[in-house]
Structure formats: structure tokens, C-alpha cells
PDB file of N, CA and C in Angstrom:
ATOM      1  N   MET A   1     103.874 116.211  83.901  1.00  0.00           N
ATOM      2  CA  MET A   1     103.443 114.949  83.501  1.00  0.00           C
ATOM      3  C   MET A   1     102.642 114.313  84.578  1.00  0.00           C
ATOM      4  N   ASN A   2     101.518 113.657  84.326  1.00  0.00           N
ATOM      5  CA  ASN A   2     100.720 112.973  85.328  1.00  0.00           C
ATOM      6  C   ASN A   2     100.556 111.494  85.020  1.00  0.00           C
ATOM      7  N   ILE A   3     100.894 110.592  85.833  1.00  0.00           N
ATOM      8  CA  ILE A   3     100.786 109.166  85.654  1.00  0.00           C
ATOM      9  C   ILE A   3      99.829 108.613  86.624  1.00  0.00           C
ATOM     10  N   LYS A   4      98.798 107.915  86.048  1.00  0.00           N
ATOM     11  CA  LYS A   4      97.849 107.226  87.080  1.00  0.00           C
ATOM     12  C   LYS A   4      97.601 105.750  86.843  1.00  0.00           C
ATOM     13  N   LEU A   5      97.346 105.034  87.754  1.00  0.00           N
ATOM     14  CA  LEU A   5      97.158 103.591  87.613  1.00  0.00           C
ATOM     15  C   LEU A   5      95.845 103.454  86.857  1.00  0.00           C
ATOM     16  N   HIS A   6      95.971 102.682  85.700  1.00  0.00           N
ATOM     17  CA  HIS A   6      94.778 102.352  84.951  1.00  0.00           C
ATOM     18  C   HIS A   6      94.074 101.102  85.464  1.00  0.00           C
ATOM     19  N   GLY A   7      94.833 100.164  85.778  1.00  0.00           N
ATOM     20  CA  GLY A   7      94.278  98.886  86.257  1.00  0.00           C
ATOM     21  C   GLY A   7      95.354  97.825  86.563  1.00  0.00           C
ATOM     22  N   ILE A   8      94.838  96.807  86.987  1.00  0.00           N
ATOM     23  CA  ILE A   8      95.712  95.549  87.421  1.00  0.00           C
ATOM     24  C   ILE A   8      95.313  94.367  86.435  1.00  0.00           C
ATOM     25  N   VAL A   9      96.244  93.684  85.947  1.00  0.00           N
ATOM     26  CA  VAL A   9      95.860  92.559  84.980  1.00  0.00           C
ATOM     27  C   VAL A   9      96.539  91.401  85.554  1.00  0.00           C
ATOM     28  N   ILE A  10      95.900  90.259  85.698  1.00  0.00           N
ATOM     29  CA  ILE A  10      96.579  89.101  86.238  1.00  0.00           C
ATOM     30  C   ILE A  10      96.350  88.033  85.016  1.00  0.00           C
ATOM     31  N   ASP A  11      97.546  87.394  84.636  1.00  0.00           N
ATOM     32  CA  ASP A  11      97.426  86.185  83.754  1.00  0.00           C
ATOM     33  C   ASP A  11      96.811  85.145  84.300  1.00  0.00           C
ATOM     34  N   VAL A  12      95.989  84.329  83.647  1.00  0.00           N
ATOM     35  CA  VAL A  12      95.369  83.150  84.210  1.00  0.00           C
ATOM     36  C   VAL A  12      95.220  82.055  83.040  1.00  0.00           C
ATOM     37  N   PRO A  13      95.315  80.711  83.373  1.00  0.00           N
ATOM     38  CA  PRO A  13      95.030  79.741  82.457  1.00  0.00           C
ATOM     39  C   PRO A  13      93.602  79.446  82.177  1.00  0.00           C
ATOM     40  N   ASN A  14      92.849  79.820  83.139  1.00  0.00           N
ATOM     41  CA  ASN A  14      91.332  79.489  82.929  1.00  0.00           C
ATOM     42  C   ASN A  14      90.558  80.824  83.153  1.00  0.00           C
ATOM     43  N   MET A  15      89.865  81.041  82.138  1.00  0.00           N
ATOM     44  CA  MET A  15      89.079  82.432  82.169  1.00  0.00           C
ATOM     45  C   MET A  15      87.876  82.396  83.224  1.00  0.00           C
ATOM     46  N   GLU A  16      87.611  81.360  83.742  1.00  0.00           N
ATOM     47  CA  GLU A  16      86.569  81.331  84.754  1.00  0.00           C
ATOM     48  C   GLU A  16      86.849  81.177  86.282  1.00  0.00           C
ATOM     49  N   LYS A  17      87.729  80.257  86.471  1.00  0.00           N
ATOM     50  CA  LYS A  17      88.141  79.850  87.753  1.00  0.00           C
ATOM     51  C   LYS A  17      88.575  81.168  88.724  1.00  0.00           C
ATOM     52  N   THR A  18      89.631  81.682  88.368  1.00  0.00           N
ATOM     53  CA  THR A  18      90.142  82.775  89.233  1.00  0.00           C
ATOM     54  C   THR A  18      89.442  84.098  89.201  1.00  0.00           C
ATOM     55  N   PRO A  19      88.924  84.631  88.061  1.00  0.00           N
ATOM     56  CA  PRO A  19      88.035  85.760  87.971  1.00  0.00           C
ATOM     57  C   PRO A  19      86.788  85.535  88.984  1.00  0.00           C
ATOM     58  N   ALA A  20      86.296  84.288  88.935  1.00  0.00           N
ATOM     59  CA  ALA A  20      85.171  84.098  89.824  1.00  0.00           C
ATOM     60  C   ALA A  20      85.454  84.045  91.308  1.00  0.00           C
ATOM     61  N   PHE A  21      86.744  83.502  91.562  1.00  0.00           N
ATOM     62  CA  PHE A  21      87.189  83.538  92.896  1.00  0.00           C
ATOM     63  C   PHE A  21      87.245  84.968  93.543  1.00  0.00           C
ATOM     64  N   TYR A  22      87.884  85.858  92.730  1.00  0.00           N
ATOM     65  CA  TYR A  22      88.013  87.270  93.239  1.00  0.00           C
ATOM     66  C   TYR A  22      86.789  88.009  93.240  1.00  0.00           C
ATOM     67  N   GLU A  23      85.888  87.696  92.375  1.00  0.00           N
ATOM     68  CA  GLU A  23      84.530  88.164  92.371  1.00  0.00           C
ATOM     69  C   GLU A  23      83.673  87.991  93.582  1.00  0.00           C
ATOM     70  N   LYS A  24      83.766  86.766  93.996  1.00  0.00           N
ATOM     71  CA  LYS A  24      83.111  86.224  95.148  1.00  0.00           C
ATOM     72  C   LYS A  24      83.799  86.881  96.410  1.00  0.00           C
ATOM     73  N   LEU A  25      85.155  86.769  96.573  1.00  0.00           N
ATOM     74  CA  LEU A  25      85.911  86.978  97.533  1.00  0.00           C
ATOM     75  C   LEU A  25      85.634  88.683  97.931  1.00  0.00           C
ATOM     76  N   LEU A  26      85.596  89.496  96.854  1.00  0.00           N
ATOM     77  CA  LEU A  26      85.576  90.888  97.003  1.00  0.00           C
ATOM     78  C   LEU A  26      84.123  91.467  96.815  1.00  0.00           C
ATOM     79  N   GLY A  27      83.174  90.611  96.634  1.00  0.00           N
ATOM     80  CA  GLY A  27      81.746  90.963  96.237  1.00  0.00           C
ATOM     81  C   GLY A  27      81.635  91.901  95.284  1.00  0.00           C
ATOM     82  N   TRP A  28      82.446  91.809  94.143  1.00  0.00           N
ATOM     83  CA  TRP A  28      82.360  92.537  93.017  1.00  0.00           C
ATOM     84  C   TRP A  28      81.576  91.890  92.090  1.00  0.00           C
ATOM     85  N   LYS A  29      81.296  92.591  90.811  1.00  0.00           N
ATOM     86  CA  LYS A  29      80.519  92.118  89.791  1.00  0.00           C
ATOM     87  C   LYS A  29      81.368  91.961  88.492  1.00  0.00           C
ATOM     88  N   ARG A  30      80.983  91.149  87.571  1.00  0.00           N
ATOM     89  CA  ARG A  30      81.577  90.947  86.229  1.00  0.00           C
ATOM     90  C   ARG A  30      81.167  92.181  85.461  1.00  0.00           C
ATOM     91  N   LEU A  31      82.275  92.826  84.800  1.00  0.00           N
ATOM     92  CA  LEU A  31      82.037  94.050  84.028  1.00  0.00           C
ATOM     93  C   LEU A  31      81.995  93.573  82.698  1.00  0.00           C
ATOM     94  N   PHE A  32      82.992  92.704  82.294  1.00  0.00           N
ATOM     95  CA  PHE A  32      83.109  92.386  80.952  1.00  0.00           C
ATOM     96  C   PHE A  32      83.678  90.965  80.760  1.00  0.00           C
ATOM     97  N   GLU A  33      83.431  90.182  79.704  1.00  0.00           N
ATOM     98  CA  GLU A  33      84.181  88.881  79.686  1.00  0.00           C
ATOM     99  C   GLU A  33      84.047  88.451  78.190  1.00  0.00           C
ATOM    100  N   ASP A  34      85.107  87.820  77.765  1.00  0.00           N
ATOM    101  CA  ASP A  34      85.059  87.214  76.460  1.00  0.00           C
ATOM    102  C   ASP A  34      86.150  85.974  76.706  1.00  0.00           C
ATOM    103  N   ASP A  35      86.592  85.323  75.552  1.00  0.00           N
ATOM    104  CA  ASP A  35      87.333  84.242  75.591  1.00  0.00           C
ATOM    105  C   ASP A  35      88.799  84.557  76.085  1.00  0.00           C
ATOM    106  N   GLU A  36      89.190  85.832  75.923  1.00  0.00           N
ATOM    107  CA  GLU A  36      90.562  86.180  76.285  1.00  0.00           C
ATOM    108  C   GLU A  36      90.674  87.297  77.381  1.00  0.00           C
ATOM    109  N   TRP A  37      89.607  87.838  77.845  1.00  0.00           N
ATOM    110  CA  TRP A  37      89.756  88.831  78.851  1.00  0.00           C
ATOM    111  C   TRP A  37      88.532  88.954  79.700  1.00  0.00           C
ATOM    112  N   THR A  38      88.592  89.068  81.071  1.00  0.00           N
ATOM    113  CA  THR A  38      87.441  89.185  82.053  1.00  0.00           C
ATOM    114  C   THR A  38      87.857  90.359  82.956  1.00  0.00           C
ATOM    115  N   GLN A  39      86.871  91.211  83.242  1.00  0.00           N
ATOM    116  CA  GLN A  39      87.053  92.353  84.101  1.00  0.00           C
ATOM    117  C   GLN A  39      86.113  92.314  85.083  1.00  0.00           C
ATOM    118  N   ILE A  40      86.359  92.550  86.324  1.00  0.00           N
ATOM    119  CA  ILE A  40      85.450  92.620  87.532  1.00  0.00           C
ATOM    120  C   ILE A  40      85.842  93.912  88.138  1.00  0.00           C
ATOM    121  N   GLY A  41      84.752  94.382  89.000  1.00  0.00           N
ATOM    122  CA  GLY A  41      84.986  95.739  89.570  1.00  0.00           C
ATOM    123  C   GLY A  41      83.859  95.887  90.673  1.00  0.00           C
ATOM    124  N   ASP A  42      84.226  97.029  91.483  1.00  0.00           N
ATOM    125  CA  ASP A  42      83.233  97.257  92.507  1.00  0.00           C
ATOM    126  C   ASP A  42      82.114  98.101  92.021  1.00  0.00           C
ATOM    127  N   GLU A  43      81.102  98.261  92.905  1.00  0.00           N
ATOM    128  CA  GLU A  43      79.770  98.951  92.510  1.00  0.00           C
ATOM    129  C   GLU A  43      80.112 100.419  91.937  1.00  0.00           C
ATOM    130  N   SER A  44      81.016 101.159  92.450  1.00  0.00           N
ATOM    131  CA  SER A  44      81.297 102.446  92.150  1.00  0.00           C
ATOM    132  C   SER A  44      82.102 102.557  90.798  1.00  0.00           C
ATOM    133  N   GLY A  45      82.664 101.543  90.461  1.00  0.00           N
ATOM    134  CA  GLY A  45      83.573 101.639  89.177  1.00  0.00           C
ATOM    135  C   GLY A  45      84.991 102.143  89.316  1.00  0.00           C
ATOM    136  N   THR A  46      85.205 102.436  90.630  1.00  0.00           N
ATOM    137  CA  THR A  46      86.618 102.884  91.052  1.00  0.00           C
ATOM    138  C   THR A  46      87.578 101.983  90.974  1.00  0.00           C
ATOM    139  N   HIS A  47      87.403 100.732  91.452  1.00  0.00           N
ATOM    140  CA  HIS A  47      88.320  99.621  91.331  1.00  0.00           C
ATOM    141  C   HIS A  47      87.999  98.575  90.490  1.00  0.00           C
ATOM    142  N   SER A  48      89.069  97.934  89.887  1.00  0.00           N
ATOM    143  CA  SER A  48      88.724  96.637  88.979  1.00  0.00           C
ATOM    144  C   SER A  48      90.077  95.897  88.870  1.00  0.00           C
ATOM    145  N   ILE A  49      89.781  94.772  88.491  1.00  0.00           N
ATOM    146  CA  ILE A  49      90.883  93.889  88.142  1.00  0.00           C
ATOM    147  C   ILE A  49      90.579  92.956  86.835  1.00  0.00           C
ATOM    148  N   GLY A  50      91.610  93.088  85.966  1.00  0.00           N
ATOM    149  CA  GLY A  50      91.396  92.387  84.734  1.00  0.00           C
ATOM    150  C   GLY A  50      92.183  91.087  84.740  1.00  0.00           C
ATOM    151  N   PHE A  51      91.615  90.042  83.919  1.00  0.00           N
ATOM    152  CA  PHE A  51      92.168  88.661  83.868  1.00  0.00           C
ATOM    153  C   PHE A  51      92.358  88.471  82.376  1.00  0.00           C
ATOM    154  N   GLN A  52      93.568  88.169  82.042  1.00  0.00           N
ATOM    155  CA  GLN A  52      93.927  87.820  80.545  1.00  0.00           C
ATOM    156  C   GLN A  52      94.275  86.396  80.510  1.00  0.00           C
ATOM    157  N   ALA A  53      93.808  85.776  79.493  1.00  0.00           N
ATOM    158  CA  ALA A  53      94.042  84.374  79.161  1.00  0.00           C
ATOM    159  C   ALA A  53      95.600  84.216  78.831  1.00  0.00           C
ATOM    160  N   ASP A  54      96.083  83.179  79.379  1.00  0.00           N
ATOM    161  CA  ASP A  54      97.532  82.830  79.195  1.00  0.00           C
ATOM    162  C   ASP A  54      97.609  81.189  79.068  1.00  0.00           C
ATOM    163  N   LEU A  55      97.562  80.607  77.960  1.00  0.00           N
ATOM    164  CA  LEU A  55      97.519  79.240  77.829  1.00  0.00           C
ATOM    165  C   LEU A  55      98.878  78.587  78.190  1.00  0.00           C
ATOM    166  N   ASP A  56      99.869  79.459  78.299  1.00  0.00           N
ATOM    167  CA  ASP A  56     101.162  78.902  78.850  1.00  0.00           C
ATOM    168  C   ASP A  56     101.577  79.290  80.090  1.00  0.00           C
ATOM    169  N   TYR A  57     100.475  79.585  80.948  1.00  0.00           N
ATOM    170  CA  TYR A  57     100.662  80.006  82.220  1.00  0.00           C
ATOM    171  C   TYR A  57     101.319  78.944  83.112  1.00  0.00           C
ATOM    172  N   VAL A  58     102.236  79.446  84.047  1.00  0.00           N
ATOM    173  CA  VAL A  58     102.972  78.554  85.031  1.00  0.00           C
ATOM    174  C   VAL A  58     102.828  79.232  86.350  1.00  0.00           C
ATOM    175  N   ALA A  59     102.295  78.614  87.354  1.00  0.00           N
ATOM    176  CA  ALA A  59     102.047  79.223  88.610  1.00  0.00           C
ATOM    177  C   ALA A  59     103.313  79.782  89.188  1.00  0.00           C
ATOM    178  N   PRO A  60     103.394  80.832  89.923  1.00  0.00           N
ATOM    179  CA  PRO A  60     104.528  81.231  90.595  1.00  0.00           C
ATOM    180  C   PRO A  60     105.012  80.237  91.644  1.00  0.00           C
ATOM    181  N   SER A  61     106.309  79.997  91.796  1.00  0.00           N
ATOM    182  CA  SER A  61     106.834  79.045  92.751  1.00  0.00           C
ATOM    183  C   SER A  61     107.375  79.868  93.884  1.00  0.00           C
ATOM    184  N   TRP A  62     106.515  80.518  94.563  1.00  0.00           N
ATOM    185  CA  TRP A  62     106.776  81.326  95.733  1.00  0.00           C
ATOM    186  C   TRP A  62     106.765  80.554  97.091  1.00  0.00           C
ATOM    187  N   PRO A  63     107.515  80.683  98.044  1.00  0.00           N
ATOM    188  CA  PRO A  63     108.678  81.617  98.092  1.00  0.00           C
ATOM    189  C   PRO A  63     109.999  81.046  97.505  1.00  0.00           C
ATOM    190  N   GLU A  64     110.065  79.771  97.117  1.00  0.00           N
ATOM    191  CA  GLU A  64     111.133  79.141  96.517  1.00  0.00           C
ATOM    192  C   GLU A  64     111.806  80.030  95.547  1.00  0.00           C
ATOM    193  N   GLY A  65     111.016  80.449  94.588  1.00  0.00           N
ATOM    194  CA  GLY A  65     111.610  81.404  93.579  1.00  0.00           C
ATOM    195  C   GLY A  65     112.561  80.868  92.482  1.00  0.00           C
ATOM    196  N   THR A  66     112.061  79.706  91.987  1.00  0.00           N
ATOM    197  CA  THR A  66     112.897  79.156  90.887  1.00  0.00           C
ATOM    198  C   THR A  66     113.224  80.156  89.812  1.00  0.00           C
ATOM    199  N   GLU A  67     114.203  80.309  89.111  1.00  0.00           N
ATOM    200  CA  GLU A  67     114.367  81.309  88.083  1.00  0.00           C
ATOM    201  C   GLU A  67     113.308  81.547  87.289  1.00  0.00           C
ATOM    202  N   GLY A  68     112.971  82.852  87.174  1.00  0.00           N
ATOM    203  CA  GLY A  68     111.798  83.273  86.256  1.00  0.00           C
ATOM    204  C   GLY A  68     110.364  82.956  86.928  1.00  0.00           C
ATOM    205  N   GLN A  69     110.378  82.282  88.070  1.00  0.00           N
ATOM    206  CA  GLN A  69     109.104  81.917  88.627  1.00  0.00           C
ATOM    207  C   GLN A  69     108.919  82.215  89.998  1.00  0.00           C
ATOM    208  N   GLY A  70     109.330  83.488  90.423  1.00  0.00           N
ATOM    209  CA  GLY A  70     109.244  83.889  91.823  1.00  0.00           C
ATOM    210  C   GLY A  70     107.826  84.329  92.164  1.00  0.00           C
ATOM    211  N   GLN A  71     107.647  85.270  93.042  1.00  0.00           N
ATOM    212  CA  GLN A  71     106.196  85.713  93.300  1.00  0.00           C
ATOM    213  C   GLN A  71     105.628  86.465  92.219  1.00  0.00           C
ATOM    214  N   MET A  72     106.344  87.142  91.392  1.00  0.00           N
ATOM    215  CA  MET A  72     105.862  88.052  90.322  1.00  0.00           C
ATOM    216  C   MET A  72     105.103  89.235  90.695  1.00  0.00           C
ATOM    217  N   MET A  73     104.119  88.980  91.500  1.00  0.00           N
ATOM    218  CA  MET A  73     103.287  90.191  91.946  1.00  0.00           C
ATOM    219  C   MET A  73     102.336  89.583  93.053  1.00  0.00           C
ATOM    220  N   HIS A  74     101.635  90.378  93.820  1.00  0.00           N
ATOM    221  CA  HIS A  74     100.700  89.844  94.764  1.00  0.00           C
ATOM    222  C   HIS A  74      99.776  91.089  95.095  1.00  0.00           C
ATOM    223  N   LEU A  75      98.622  90.708  95.618  1.00  0.00           N
ATOM    224  CA  LEU A  75      97.539  91.658  95.897  1.00  0.00           C
ATOM    225  C   LEU A  75      97.456  91.686  97.462  1.00  0.00           C
ATOM    226  N   ASP A  76      97.373  92.772  98.191  1.00  0.00           N
ATOM    227  CA  ASP A  76      97.010  93.051  99.462  1.00  0.00           C
ATOM    228  C   ASP A  76      95.661  93.635  99.760  1.00  0.00           C
ATOM    229  N   PHE A  77      94.851  92.921 100.589  1.00  0.00           N
ATOM    230  CA  PHE A  77      93.497  93.239 100.945  1.00  0.00           C
ATOM    231  C   PHE A  77      93.466  93.637 102.200  1.00  0.00           C
ATOM    232  N   LEU A  78      92.967  94.862 102.782  1.00  0.00           N
ATOM    233  CA  LEU A  78      92.754  95.122 104.019  1.00  0.00           C
ATOM    234  C   LEU A  78      91.410  94.554 104.567  1.00  0.00           C
ATOM    235  N   VAL A  79      91.569  93.860 105.725  1.00  0.00           N
ATOM    236  CA  VAL A  79      90.166  93.301 106.268  1.00  0.00           C
ATOM    237  C   VAL A  79      90.006  93.686 107.710  1.00  0.00           C
ATOM    238  N   ASP A  80      88.760  93.742 108.176  1.00  0.00           N
ATOM    239  CA  ASP A  80      88.406  93.991 109.531  1.00  0.00           C
ATOM    240  C   ASP A  80      88.351  92.804 110.496  1.00  0.00           C
ATOM    241  N   ASP A  81      88.291  91.549 109.911  1.00  0.00           N
ATOM    242  CA  ASP A  81      88.275  90.348 110.654  1.00  0.00           C
ATOM    243  C   ASP A  81      89.166  89.389 109.978  1.00  0.00           C
ATOM    244  N   LEU A  82      90.339  89.166 110.280  1.00  0.00           N
ATOM    245  CA  LEU A  82      91.288  88.295 109.678  1.00  0.00           C
ATOM    246  C   LEU A  82      90.702  86.777 109.591  1.00  0.00           C
ATOM    247  N   ASP A  83      90.366  86.256 110.804  1.00  0.00           N
ATOM    248  CA  ASP A  83      89.973  84.883 110.864  1.00  0.00           C
ATOM    249  C   ASP A  83      88.704  84.665 109.834  1.00  0.00           C
ATOM    250  N   LYS A  84      87.705  85.548 109.940  1.00  0.00           N
ATOM    251  CA  LYS A  84      86.709  85.432 108.878  1.00  0.00           C
ATOM    252  C   LYS A  84      87.020  85.569 107.571  1.00  0.00           C
ATOM    253  N   ALA A  85      87.863  86.479 107.044  1.00  0.00           N
ATOM    254  CA  ALA A  85      88.341  86.625 105.770  1.00  0.00           C
ATOM    255  C   ALA A  85      89.134  85.561 105.279  1.00  0.00           C
ATOM    256  N   VAL A  86      89.995  84.880 106.213  1.00  0.00           N
ATOM    257  CA  VAL A  86      90.856  83.714 105.761  1.00  0.00           C
ATOM    258  C   VAL A  86      89.832  82.604 105.543  1.00  0.00           C
ATOM    259  N   GLU A  87      88.750  82.438 106.552  1.00  0.00           N
ATOM    260  CA  GLU A  87      87.875  81.245 106.265  1.00  0.00           C
ATOM    261  C   GLU A  87      87.068  81.412 104.952  1.00  0.00           C
ATOM    262  N   ARG A  88      86.694  82.669 104.612  1.00  0.00           N
ATOM    263  CA  ARG A  88      85.891  82.894 103.365  1.00  0.00           C
ATOM    264  C   ARG A  88      86.800  82.591 102.297  1.00  0.00           C
ATOM    265  N   ALA A  89      88.032  83.096 102.123  1.00  0.00           N
ATOM    266  CA  ALA A  89      88.942  82.776 101.012  1.00  0.00           C
ATOM    267  C   ALA A  89      89.142  81.369 100.887  1.00  0.00           C
ATOM    268  N   LEU A  90      89.418  80.636 102.025  1.00  0.00           N
ATOM    269  CA  LEU A  90      89.581  79.231 101.887  1.00  0.00           C
ATOM    270  C   LEU A  90      88.572  78.450 101.323  1.00  0.00           C
ATOM    271  N   SER A  91      87.212  78.944 101.760  1.00  0.00           N
ATOM    272  CA  SER A  91      85.919  78.289 101.310  1.00  0.00           C
ATOM    273  C   SER A  91      85.699  78.498  99.790  1.00  0.00           C
ATOM    274  N   LEU A  92      86.362  79.590  99.268  1.00  0.00           N
ATOM    275  CA  LEU A  92      86.238  79.869  97.795  1.00  0.00           C
ATOM    276  C   LEU A  92      87.260  79.218  96.996  1.00  0.00           C
ATOM    277  N   GLY A  93      88.192  78.473  97.521  1.00  0.00           N
ATOM    278  CA  GLY A  93      89.276  77.847  96.800  1.00  0.00           C
ATOM    279  C   GLY A  93      90.643  78.356  96.993  1.00  0.00           C
ATOM    280  N   ALA A  94      90.865  79.272  97.946  1.00  0.00           N
ATOM    281  CA  ALA A  94      92.327  79.697  98.267  1.00  0.00           C
ATOM    282  C   ALA A  94      92.873  78.550  99.095  1.00  0.00           C
ATOM    283  N   ALA A  95      94.180  78.725  99.195  1.00  0.00           N
ATOM    284  CA  ALA A  95      94.979  77.744  99.987  1.00  0.00           C
ATOM    285  C   ALA A  95      96.041  78.686 100.863  1.00  0.00           C
ATOM    286  N   LYS A  96      96.287  78.245 102.117  1.00  0.00           N
ATOM    287  CA  LYS A  96      97.257  79.042 102.902  1.00  0.00           C
ATOM    288  C   LYS A  96      98.713  78.697 102.232  1.00  0.00           C
ATOM    289  N   ALA A  97      99.482  79.794 102.059  1.00  0.00           N
ATOM    290  CA  ALA A  97     100.875  79.687 101.567  1.00  0.00           C
ATOM    291  C   ALA A  97     101.671  79.138 102.645  1.00  0.00           C
ATOM    292  N   LYS A  98     102.707  78.234 102.211  1.00  0.00           N
ATOM    293  CA  LYS A  98     103.559  77.620 103.219  1.00  0.00           C
ATOM    294  C   LYS A  98     104.352  78.669 104.081  1.00  0.00           C
ATOM    295  N   ALA A  99     104.698  79.708 103.388  1.00  0.00           N
ATOM    296  CA  ALA A  99     105.514  80.682 103.932  1.00  0.00           C
ATOM    297  C   ALA A  99     104.649  81.734 104.535  1.00  0.00           C
ATOM    298  N   GLN A 100     104.880  82.192 105.800  1.00  0.00           N
ATOM    299  CA  GLN A 100     104.033  83.317 106.402  1.00  0.00           C
ATOM    300  C   GLN A 100     104.982  84.235 107.009  1.00  0.00           C
ATOM    301  N   PHE A 101     104.907  85.628 106.762  1.00  0.00           N
ATOM    302  CA  PHE A 101     105.750  86.614 107.160  1.00  0.00           C
ATOM    303  C   PHE A 101     105.054  87.682 108.045  1.00  0.00           C
ATOM    304  N   MET A 102     103.791  87.737 108.209  1.00  0.00           N
ATOM    305  CA  MET A 102     103.109  88.918 108.854  1.00  0.00           C
ATOM    306  C   MET A 102     102.823  88.656 110.221  1.00  0.00           C
ATOM    307  N   GLY A 103     103.123  87.431 110.938  1.00  0.00           N
ATOM    308  CA  GLY A 103     102.653  87.304 112.371  1.00  0.00           C
ATOM    309  C   GLY A 103     101.266  87.132 112.384  1.00  0.00           C
ATOM    310  N   ASP A 104     100.626  87.818 113.476  1.00  0.00           N
ATOM    311  CA  ASP A 104      99.329  87.704 113.687  1.00  0.00           C
ATOM    312  C   ASP A 104      98.392  88.808 113.104  1.00  0.00           C
ATOM    313  N   HIS A 105      99.003  89.694 112.327  1.00  0.00           N
ATOM    314  CA  HIS A 105      98.346  90.701 111.656  1.00  0.00           C
ATOM    315  C   HIS A 105      98.024  90.596 110.119  1.00  0.00           C
ATOM    316  N   GLY A 106      98.260  89.293 109.701  1.00  0.00           N
ATOM    317  CA  GLY A 106      97.931  89.075 108.219  1.00  0.00           C
ATOM    318  C   GLY A 106      98.223  87.672 107.877  1.00  0.00           C
ATOM    319  N   MET A 107      97.797  87.204 106.808  1.00  0.00           N
ATOM    320  CA  MET A 107      97.897  85.906 106.320  1.00  0.00           C
ATOM    321  C   MET A 107      98.154  85.980 104.766  1.00  0.00           C
ATOM    322  N   THR A 108      99.017  85.176 104.305  1.00  0.00           N
ATOM    323  CA  THR A 108      99.338  85.087 102.803  1.00  0.00           C
ATOM    324  C   THR A 108      98.608  83.706 102.338  1.00  0.00           C
ATOM    325  N   LEU A 109      97.952  83.922 101.378  1.00  0.00           N
ATOM    326  CA  LEU A 109      97.207  82.771 100.828  1.00  0.00           C
ATOM    327  C   LEU A 109      97.484  82.650  99.245  1.00  0.00           C
ATOM    328  N   LEU A 110      97.121  81.636  98.635  1.00  0.00           N
ATOM    329  CA  LEU A 110      97.321  81.471  97.114  1.00  0.00           C
ATOM    330  C   LEU A 110      95.961  81.418  96.582  1.00  0.00           C
ATOM    331  N   ASP A 111      95.720  82.026  95.413  1.00  0.00           N
ATOM    332  CA  ASP A 111      94.374  81.927  94.782  1.00  0.00           C
ATOM    333  C   ASP A 111      94.318  80.613  94.015  1.00  0.00           C
ATOM    334  N   PRO A 112      93.202  80.210  93.425  1.00  0.00           N
ATOM    335  CA  PRO A 112      93.133  79.003  92.718  1.00  0.00           C
ATOM    336  C   PRO A 112      94.154  78.751  91.734  1.00  0.00           C
ATOM    337  N   ASP A 113      94.717  79.703  91.123  1.00  0.00           N
ATOM    338  CA  ASP A 113      95.884  79.601  90.060  1.00  0.00           C
ATOM    339  C   ASP A 113      97.347  79.708  90.622  1.00  0.00           C
ATOM    340  N   GLY A 114      97.351  79.936  92.043  1.00  0.00           N
ATOM    341  CA  GLY A 114      98.554  79.955  92.679  1.00  0.00           C
ATOM    342  C   GLY A 114      99.217  81.347  92.989  1.00  0.00           C
ATOM    343  N   HIS A 115      98.533  82.335  92.455  1.00  0.00           N
ATOM    344  CA  HIS A 115      98.987  83.781  92.773  1.00  0.00           C
ATOM    345  C   HIS A 115      98.989  84.010  94.240  1.00  0.00           C
ATOM    346  N   PRO A 116      99.950  84.574  94.838  1.00  0.00           N
ATOM    347  CA  PRO A 116      99.950  84.979  96.267  1.00  0.00           C
ATOM    348  C   PRO A 116      99.066  86.226  96.461  1.00  0.00           C
ATOM    349  N   PHE A 117      98.410  86.211  97.581  1.00  0.00           N
ATOM    350  CA  PHE A 117      97.752  87.367  97.998  1.00  0.00           C
ATOM    351  C   PHE A 117      97.630  87.469  99.539  1.00  0.00           C
ATOM    352  N   CYS A 118      97.560  88.704 100.044  1.00  0.00           N
ATOM    353  CA  CYS A 118      97.643  88.750 101.517  1.00  0.00           C
ATOM    354  C   CYS A 118      96.344  89.496 102.027  1.00  0.00           C
ATOM    355  N   LEU A 119      95.916  88.899 103.077  1.00  0.00           N
ATOM    356  CA  LEU A 119      94.791  89.542 104.007  1.00  0.00           C
ATOM    357  C   LEU A 119      95.482  90.132 105.133  1.00  0.00           C
ATOM    358  N   ILE A 120      95.212  91.453 105.340  1.00  0.00           N
ATOM    359  CA  ILE A 120      95.889  92.242 106.371  1.00  0.00           C
ATOM    360  C   ILE A 120      94.934  93.036 107.193  1.00  0.00           C
ATOM    361  N   THR A 121      95.173  92.845 108.494  1.00  0.00           N
ATOM    362  CA  THR A 121      94.261  93.803 109.436  1.00  0.00           C
ATOM    363  C   THR A 121      94.922  95.118 109.516  1.00  0.00           C
ATOM    364  N   GLY A 122      94.026  96.192 109.663  1.00  0.00           N
ATOM    365  CA  GLY A 122      94.487  97.549 109.679  1.00  0.00           C
ATOM    366  C   GLY A 122      95.116  97.865 111.108  1.00  0.00           C
TER     367      GLY A 122
END
């Protein structure tokens, strides 16, 4: 038996805001969009992220983790210049997470809908 990752899907309350954030952050392009689904991906078509409409979306309450609303999931992105990557993410609408756990080799941020993601140096 062979199992392969097909894709990553993130629930969002707004089909434009968060897909556009990751599209700009990663320099990817819009592959598909309608009222309930948006797909962005890299030039090679190797990597993509899907965004699914969720009108009842509640942002994660991380790191507090109230019942049913913990971190849920997060994305890690490898960067070659942490300061510049953080500056770019903040300029696109991210916010620094209150809790930080990676010292000087990474930064945890929140996307415009509150999903945590990490920028990490190699």
C-alpha cells in the first residue's frame, strides 16, 4: 500500500482574505476559485494549498487552547532571512503570536484568520 499527501486544506470564513495572504507571502498563483473553494500553488504545480469556505469558522485560541479550539494545525515555512520574512508577513496582514517557542531561529505568527504558522531558519 502506498499513501501520499494529496493536499493541505484550510477552513476560512472569507474566500479572499487568507488565500490572498498566502498567495502573496509565498509568491504562488491562483489555480482555481469559486464561492466555496480556492486553490493556490507554486509554478511547478508540486505544492498547493486549498481553502474551503466555513461560514461557522472560529479562529483557534492558541496557545490557550480552550476546549475544541486549540492550535488545530499549523504550517511551517523555511526561510533564508527571518527578519525580512517576518517583516513581509506582517506587511501582508499577519500578526505576531503572543507565545513564542523557537528562540532566535524562528517566529510564530498568525495569518489574517488566526491560523498559526511558523517562519523557520534552516
